[in-house]
Protein backbone atom coordinates (compact mmCIF):
# COMPACT_ATOMS: atom_id res chain seq x y z
CA MET A 1 53.26 -117.33 160.03
CA ARG A 2 49.63 -118.04 160.94
CA ALA A 3 49.90 -121.82 160.63
CA PRO A 4 52.38 -122.21 163.52
CA LEU A 5 50.23 -119.92 165.65
CA LEU A 6 47.15 -121.98 164.88
CA SER A 7 49.05 -125.18 165.54
CA ALA A 8 50.24 -123.89 168.89
CA ALA A 9 46.78 -122.58 169.77
CA PHE A 10 45.23 -125.98 169.24
CA GLY A 11 48.08 -127.94 170.79
CA LEU A 12 49.14 -129.42 167.49
CA GLY A 13 52.74 -130.19 166.66
CA SER A 14 54.37 -128.49 163.72
CA THR A 15 55.44 -131.76 162.09
CA VAL A 16 53.58 -134.87 161.03
CA PRO A 17 54.90 -138.16 162.49
CA ALA A 18 56.72 -140.21 159.87
CA SER A 19 54.33 -143.15 160.40
CA SER A 20 51.35 -141.06 159.29
CA GLN A 21 52.96 -139.63 156.15
CA PRO A 22 51.76 -141.16 152.89
CA PRO A 23 54.27 -143.44 151.20
CA ALA A 24 56.25 -141.86 148.37
CA VAL A 25 54.87 -142.72 144.95
CA SER A 26 56.93 -142.35 141.82
CA PRO A 27 55.86 -142.17 138.16
CA GLY A 28 54.58 -145.42 136.74
CA GLN A 29 53.47 -146.76 140.12
CA PRO A 30 49.82 -147.10 141.17
CA GLY A 31 48.66 -143.98 142.97
CA PHE A 32 50.73 -141.63 140.80
CA PRO A 33 48.72 -139.38 138.46
CA ASP A 34 48.68 -140.53 134.83
CA GLU A 35 48.92 -138.29 131.75
CA ALA A 36 45.35 -137.11 132.33
CA GLY A 37 46.18 -136.14 135.92
CA LEU A 38 44.14 -139.02 137.40
CA ALA A 39 45.54 -141.07 140.26
CA HIS A 40 44.84 -144.81 140.19
CA PRO A 41 44.28 -146.96 143.29
CA PRO A 42 47.36 -148.57 144.85
CA ASP A 43 46.05 -152.04 143.95
CA GLY A 44 46.57 -151.19 140.27
CA GLY A 45 42.83 -151.22 139.47
CA GLY A 46 41.68 -149.63 136.26
CA ARG A 47 39.27 -147.00 137.59
CA PRO A 48 40.83 -143.70 138.65
CA LEU A 49 40.30 -142.43 142.17
CA PRO A 50 37.53 -139.83 142.42
CA GLN A 51 38.69 -136.24 142.53
CA PHE A 52 36.86 -133.23 143.81
CA VAL A 53 36.47 -130.56 141.16
CA PRO A 54 34.40 -127.55 142.13
CA SER A 55 31.69 -126.77 139.60
CA SER A 56 32.29 -123.04 139.97
CA PRO A 57 34.47 -120.86 142.15
CA ARG A 58 32.75 -119.61 145.29
CA ARG A 59 33.30 -116.13 146.58
CA THR A 60 33.57 -116.38 150.32
CA VAL A 61 34.79 -112.86 151.01
CA THR A 62 33.23 -109.73 149.60
CA ARG A 63 35.81 -107.37 148.21
CA ASP A 64 35.43 -103.66 148.78
CA ARG A 65 34.68 -101.75 145.59
CA VAL A 66 36.31 -98.48 144.55
CA LEU A 67 35.38 -96.14 141.70
CA VAL A 68 38.31 -94.00 140.52
CA VAL A 69 37.18 -90.75 138.85
CA ASP A 70 39.93 -88.75 137.17
CA ASP A 71 40.40 -87.33 133.69
CA ASP A 72 44.10 -88.34 133.76
CA PRO A 73 44.52 -91.94 132.54
CA GLY A 74 47.89 -92.15 134.34
CA ILE A 75 46.26 -91.42 137.72
CA ARG A 76 43.47 -93.91 137.01
CA GLY A 77 46.04 -96.54 136.01
CA LEU A 78 48.16 -96.00 139.13
CA ALA A 79 45.10 -96.18 141.36
CA ARG A 80 43.75 -99.29 139.57
CA GLU A 81 47.06 -101.16 139.86
CA ALA A 82 47.66 -100.26 143.51
CA LEU A 83 44.10 -100.98 144.62
CA THR A 84 43.74 -104.20 142.61
CA ALA A 85 47.03 -105.46 144.07
CA ALA A 86 45.63 -104.67 147.53
CA GLY A 87 42.52 -106.78 146.83
CA TYR A 88 39.96 -104.15 145.88
CA GLU A 89 37.54 -104.37 142.98
CA VAL A 90 38.14 -101.23 140.91
CA GLY A 91 36.08 -99.33 138.35
CA GLU A 92 37.03 -96.22 136.47
CA ALA A 93 35.37 -93.08 135.16
CA SER A 94 37.13 -90.30 133.27
CA CYS A 95 34.51 -87.60 133.70
CA ARG A 96 31.42 -86.64 135.59
CA GLN A 97 29.19 -88.02 132.84
CA ASP A 98 30.61 -91.55 133.34
CA ILE A 99 30.08 -91.67 137.10
CA ARG A 100 26.46 -92.86 137.01
CA ALA A 101 27.41 -95.81 134.79
CA GLY A 102 30.27 -96.57 137.18
CA PHE A 103 27.90 -96.55 140.15
CA ASP A 104 25.35 -98.72 138.37
CA ALA A 105 27.97 -101.28 137.35
CA LEU A 106 30.10 -101.36 140.51
CA ARG A 107 28.06 -100.03 143.46
CA PRO A 108 31.28 -98.65 145.01
CA ASP A 109 32.01 -98.43 148.71
CA VAL A 110 34.49 -95.62 148.07
CA VAL A 111 34.88 -93.03 145.31
CA LEU A 112 38.32 -91.59 144.61
CA LEU A 113 37.40 -88.27 143.04
CA ASP A 114 39.62 -85.76 141.26
CA VAL A 115 38.82 -82.28 142.56
CA SER A 116 38.84 -80.75 139.09
CA LEU A 117 36.97 -82.57 136.35
CA PRO A 118 36.65 -81.08 132.87
CA ASP A 119 32.87 -81.40 132.67
CA GLY A 120 31.48 -79.86 135.83
CA SER A 121 31.83 -78.69 139.39
CA THR A 122 33.14 -81.20 141.89
CA ILE A 123 31.27 -79.38 144.67
CA GLU A 124 27.95 -79.92 142.88
CA LEU A 125 28.94 -83.50 142.19
CA LEU A 126 29.65 -84.12 145.88
CA SER A 127 26.18 -82.88 146.73
CA GLU A 128 24.67 -85.26 144.17
CA LEU A 129 26.76 -88.17 145.48
CA ARG A 130 25.61 -87.49 149.04
CA ASP A 131 21.97 -87.29 147.94
CA GLU A 132 21.94 -90.44 145.78
CA TRP A 133 24.54 -92.63 147.50
CA PRO A 134 24.89 -91.40 151.09
CA ALA A 135 26.69 -94.53 152.34
CA THR A 136 29.52 -94.18 149.81
CA GLU A 137 32.70 -92.63 151.19
CA VAL A 138 34.49 -90.03 149.05
CA VAL A 139 38.24 -89.45 148.96
CA ILE A 140 39.28 -86.30 147.08
CA MET A 141 42.47 -86.23 145.01
CA THR A 142 43.97 -82.82 144.24
CA ASP A 143 47.11 -81.08 143.14
CA PRO A 144 48.41 -78.00 144.94
CA ILE A 145 46.62 -75.71 142.44
CA GLY A 146 43.21 -77.16 143.35
CA PHE A 147 43.82 -77.12 147.09
CA ASP A 148 41.40 -74.24 147.76
CA LEU A 149 38.62 -76.08 145.92
CA ALA A 150 39.53 -79.24 147.81
CA GLY A 151 39.15 -77.38 151.10
CA GLU A 152 35.68 -76.32 150.03
CA ALA A 153 34.94 -79.93 149.04
CA ALA A 154 36.08 -81.12 152.46
CA LYS A 155 33.23 -79.11 153.98
CA SER A 156 30.85 -81.27 151.91
CA GLY A 157 31.61 -84.37 153.94
CA VAL A 158 34.48 -86.06 152.12
CA PHE A 159 36.31 -88.75 154.08
CA ALA A 160 39.88 -87.81 153.13
CA LEU A 161 41.98 -85.53 150.97
CA LEU A 162 45.01 -86.81 149.02
CA CYS A 163 47.49 -84.46 147.39
CA LYS A 164 49.01 -85.31 144.00
CA PRO A 165 51.42 -86.67 143.03
CA LEU A 166 49.86 -89.75 144.57
CA ARG A 167 51.86 -92.44 146.32
CA ALA A 168 50.37 -95.92 146.01
CA GLU A 169 50.83 -96.67 149.73
CA GLU A 170 48.96 -93.53 150.80
CA LEU A 171 46.20 -94.23 148.31
CA VAL A 172 45.68 -97.79 149.54
CA GLU A 173 45.80 -96.67 153.18
CA ALA A 174 43.21 -93.90 152.63
CA VAL A 175 40.87 -96.28 150.78
CA GLY A 176 41.30 -98.92 153.50
CA GLN A 177 40.40 -96.41 156.19
CA ALA A 178 37.38 -95.21 154.19
CA CYS A 179 36.16 -98.79 153.74
CA ALA A 180 36.61 -99.47 157.46
CA HIS A 181 34.71 -96.27 158.27
CA LYS A 182 31.87 -97.30 155.97
CA ALA A 183 31.78 -100.82 157.46
CA MET A 184 31.38 -99.34 160.95
CA GLY A 185 28.30 -97.55 159.70
CA ALA A 186 29.65 -94.20 160.79
């Protein structure tokens, strides 16, 4: 719906006058692409019309990056699918040991962190994250059993707390808010 708004904003009509529309070209006529996809000039000349082909795709918008840390592959998969569909670049780590590699490869804006990892204290990990990557926002994921630990983690400066089972919409919303918070420099 943005195109009509832009057209109205600039005083442009929503339709193109018939006189300015290109004439219809059908297969076999000059101007119609041949088997190689090249259009030939209307005069029937032999050289194809030049076409713009970008040499490489340009990234014009930087995507926010999220590192999902959970020992449950189902949770990581759900988060990856939901966040990728929402336009985020997503990395994964299954344990505390893999987090450094995830940070080095991705440089995440947000970390989705399971409150209970099999190989170490999440509270200690939060302290390390704050020391080494202070600008990275942390969103804790927990189940009702780990809620007490999550409350303790919240005192360590996490941005948000999500309770499992996760809903994709809530996950994407929390990550979006964390990215916006980070972008504001708060």
